[in-house]
N, C-alpha and C. Protein backbone atom coordinates (compact mmCIF):
# COMPACT_ATOMS: atom_id res chain seq x y z
N MET A 1 112.20 146.83 75.48
CA MET A 1 110.95 146.23 75.89
C MET A 1 110.78 144.82 75.30
N ALA A 2 111.21 144.64 74.07
CA ALA A 2 111.08 143.33 73.43
C ALA A 2 112.01 142.32 74.09
N ASN A 3 113.17 142.77 74.59
CA ASN A 3 114.10 141.86 75.25
C ASN A 3 113.52 141.29 76.54
N GLU A 4 112.75 142.10 77.24
CA GLU A 4 112.13 141.62 78.48
C GLU A 4 111.14 140.51 78.20
N ILE A 5 110.39 140.63 77.14
CA ILE A 5 109.40 139.60 76.80
C ILE A 5 110.11 138.30 76.43
N ILE A 6 111.19 138.39 75.68
CA ILE A 6 111.93 137.19 75.29
C ILE A 6 112.55 136.53 76.53
N GLU A 7 113.09 137.31 77.44
CA GLU A 7 113.67 136.75 78.66
C GLU A 7 112.61 136.07 79.52
N ASN A 8 111.44 136.65 79.59
CA ASN A 8 110.36 136.04 80.37
C ASN A 8 109.88 134.75 79.72
N ASN A 9 109.86 134.72 78.38
CA ASN A 9 109.43 133.50 77.71
C ASN A 9 110.43 132.37 77.92
N GLU A 10 111.72 132.69 78.02
CA GLU A 10 112.71 131.66 78.25
C GLU A 10 112.57 131.04 79.64
N LYS A 11 112.11 131.82 80.60
CA LYS A 11 111.95 131.33 81.96
C LYS A 11 110.59 130.68 82.19
N ASP A 12 109.68 130.82 81.24
CA ASP A 12 108.33 130.29 81.39
C ASP A 12 108.35 128.76 81.30
N PHE A 13 107.50 128.13 82.04
CA PHE A 13 107.43 126.67 82.09
C PHE A 13 107.04 126.08 80.74
N THR A 14 106.11 126.71 80.06
CA THR A 14 105.60 126.15 78.80
C THR A 14 106.53 126.39 77.63
N HIS A 15 107.45 127.32 77.73
CA HIS A 15 108.34 127.63 76.61
C HIS A 15 109.68 126.93 76.69
N SER A 16 110.05 126.41 77.85
CA SER A 16 111.33 125.73 77.99
C SER A 16 111.08 124.24 78.22
N TRP A 17 111.27 123.42 77.19
CA TRP A 17 110.97 122.00 77.30
C TRP A 17 111.99 121.29 78.19
N VAL A 18 113.19 121.85 78.35
CA VAL A 18 114.18 121.23 79.22
C VAL A 18 113.73 121.32 80.68
N ASN A 19 113.35 122.51 81.11
CA ASN A 19 112.89 122.69 82.49
C ASN A 19 111.59 121.94 82.74
N SER A 20 110.69 121.98 81.77
CA SER A 20 109.40 121.31 81.98
C SER A 20 109.56 119.80 82.01
N SER A 21 110.42 119.24 81.15
CA SER A 21 110.59 117.79 81.15
C SER A 21 111.30 117.33 82.42
N ARG A 22 112.23 118.12 82.91
CA ARG A 22 112.90 117.78 84.18
C ARG A 22 111.89 117.80 85.32
N PHE A 23 111.06 118.83 85.35
CA PHE A 23 110.04 118.93 86.39
C PHE A 23 109.06 117.77 86.32
N LEU A 24 108.60 117.45 85.12
CA LEU A 24 107.64 116.36 84.97
C LEU A 24 108.27 115.01 85.32
N PHE A 25 109.55 114.83 85.01
CA PHE A 25 110.23 113.58 85.37
C PHE A 25 110.29 113.43 86.89
N TYR A 26 110.71 114.49 87.59
CA TYR A 26 110.79 114.40 89.05
C TYR A 26 109.41 114.26 89.67
N LEU A 27 108.42 114.89 89.09
CA LEU A 27 107.05 114.75 89.59
C LEU A 27 106.58 113.31 89.42
N GLN A 28 106.90 112.70 88.28
CA GLN A 28 106.51 111.31 88.04
C GLN A 28 107.23 110.37 89.00
N VAL A 29 108.52 110.59 89.23
CA VAL A 29 109.27 109.75 90.17
C VAL A 29 108.69 109.89 91.57
N PHE A 30 108.37 111.11 91.98
CA PHE A 30 107.78 111.32 93.30
C PHE A 30 106.43 110.61 93.43
N CYS A 31 105.59 110.71 92.40
CA CYS A 31 104.27 110.07 92.46
C CYS A 31 104.39 108.55 92.52
N VAL A 32 105.28 107.96 91.74
CA VAL A 32 105.45 106.50 91.77
C VAL A 32 106.00 106.07 93.12
N LEU A 33 106.97 106.81 93.64
CA LEU A 33 107.54 106.48 94.94
C LEU A 33 106.49 106.60 96.05
N ALA A 34 105.68 107.65 96.01
CA ALA A 34 104.62 107.81 97.01
C ALA A 34 103.59 106.69 96.90
N PHE A 35 103.27 106.27 95.68
CA PHE A 35 102.31 105.19 95.48
C PHE A 35 102.85 103.86 96.03
N VAL A 36 104.12 103.58 95.76
CA VAL A 36 104.72 102.32 96.23
C VAL A 36 104.83 102.32 97.75
N LEU A 37 105.31 103.41 98.32
CA LEU A 37 105.43 103.46 99.79
C LEU A 37 104.06 103.42 100.46
N GLY A 38 103.07 104.06 99.87
CA GLY A 38 101.71 104.00 100.42
C GLY A 38 101.15 102.59 100.37
N GLY A 39 101.42 101.87 99.28
CA GLY A 39 100.96 100.49 99.18
C GLY A 39 101.65 99.59 100.18
N CYS A 40 102.94 99.79 100.37
CA CYS A 40 103.68 98.99 101.36
C CYS A 40 103.16 99.26 102.78
N TYR A 41 102.88 100.51 103.07
CA TYR A 41 102.36 100.88 104.39
C TYR A 41 100.98 100.25 104.61
N ARG A 42 100.15 100.26 103.57
CA ARG A 42 98.81 99.68 103.68
C ARG A 42 98.90 98.16 103.89
N LEU A 43 99.80 97.50 103.16
CA LEU A 43 99.97 96.06 103.35
C LEU A 43 100.51 95.75 104.73
N TYR A 44 101.39 96.59 105.25
CA TYR A 44 101.94 96.37 106.58
C TYR A 44 100.85 96.50 107.64
N ASN A 45 99.96 97.46 107.49
CA ASN A 45 98.89 97.65 108.48
C ASN A 45 97.85 96.54 108.43
N GLN A 46 97.65 95.93 107.27
CA GLN A 46 96.63 94.89 107.14
C GLN A 46 97.26 93.49 107.08
N ARG A 47 98.42 93.33 107.67
CA ARG A 47 99.09 92.03 107.63
C ARG A 47 98.34 91.03 108.51
N TYR A 48 98.65 89.76 108.31
CA TYR A 48 98.02 88.68 109.07
C TYR A 48 98.63 88.65 110.46
N LYS A 49 97.78 88.78 111.45
CA LYS A 49 98.25 88.86 112.84
C LYS A 49 97.78 87.63 113.61
N GLY A 50 98.66 86.67 113.78
CA GLY A 50 98.34 85.52 114.63
C GLY A 50 97.88 84.30 113.86
N HIS A 51 97.86 83.21 114.58
CA HIS A 51 97.43 81.94 114.03
C HIS A 51 96.19 81.48 114.81
N PRO A 52 95.09 81.25 114.13
CA PRO A 52 93.89 80.80 114.83
C PRO A 52 94.03 79.32 115.23
N THR A 53 93.33 78.97 116.27
CA THR A 53 93.31 77.56 116.68
C THR A 53 92.22 76.86 115.87
N VAL A 54 92.63 75.88 115.12
CA VAL A 54 91.71 75.17 114.23
C VAL A 54 91.60 73.73 114.71
N GLU A 55 90.37 73.26 114.83
CA GLU A 55 90.15 71.87 115.22
C GLU A 55 90.32 70.98 114.00
N VAL A 56 91.19 70.00 114.14
CA VAL A 56 91.43 69.05 113.06
C VAL A 56 90.82 67.73 113.46
N GLN A 57 90.13 67.11 112.52
CA GLN A 57 89.53 65.80 112.82
C GLN A 57 90.64 64.79 113.10
N SER A 58 90.37 63.93 114.04
CA SER A 58 91.39 62.94 114.43
C SER A 58 91.69 61.96 113.30
N SER A 59 90.78 61.78 112.37
CA SER A 59 91.01 60.84 111.27
C SER A 59 91.89 61.46 110.17
N SER A 60 92.14 62.75 110.21
CA SER A 60 92.94 63.38 109.16
C SER A 60 94.30 63.86 109.67
N GLU A 61 94.69 63.40 110.87
CA GLU A 61 96.00 63.78 111.40
C GLU A 61 97.09 62.90 110.78
N TYR A 62 98.35 63.18 111.17
CA TYR A 62 99.48 62.41 110.63
C TYR A 62 99.36 60.94 111.01
N LYS A 63 99.02 60.71 112.27
CA LYS A 63 98.73 59.35 112.73
C LYS A 63 97.23 59.32 113.05
N PRO A 64 96.43 58.91 112.11
CA PRO A 64 94.98 59.00 112.32
C PRO A 64 94.49 58.05 113.42
N VAL A 65 93.46 58.51 114.08
CA VAL A 65 92.83 57.70 115.15
C VAL A 65 91.40 57.44 114.68
N TYR A 66 91.08 56.17 114.52
CA TYR A 66 89.74 55.79 114.09
C TYR A 66 88.98 55.22 115.27
N LYS A 67 87.70 55.34 115.22
CA LYS A 67 86.84 54.81 116.29
C LYS A 67 86.45 53.39 115.98
């Protein structure tokens, strides 16, 4: 009976720091990757679309025209 308890403790998440640290590392990598990809997707959806037509004064052009 005591052997069963020891075997269960070895398989438990809180008692095995090797398994828990591996799990937490992969969880952290997944969260960072999801955050970066989500940010890239958000920037792609809100990108600048098009160039507006802007009126430029004739006196501030490359060859200015004065009245």
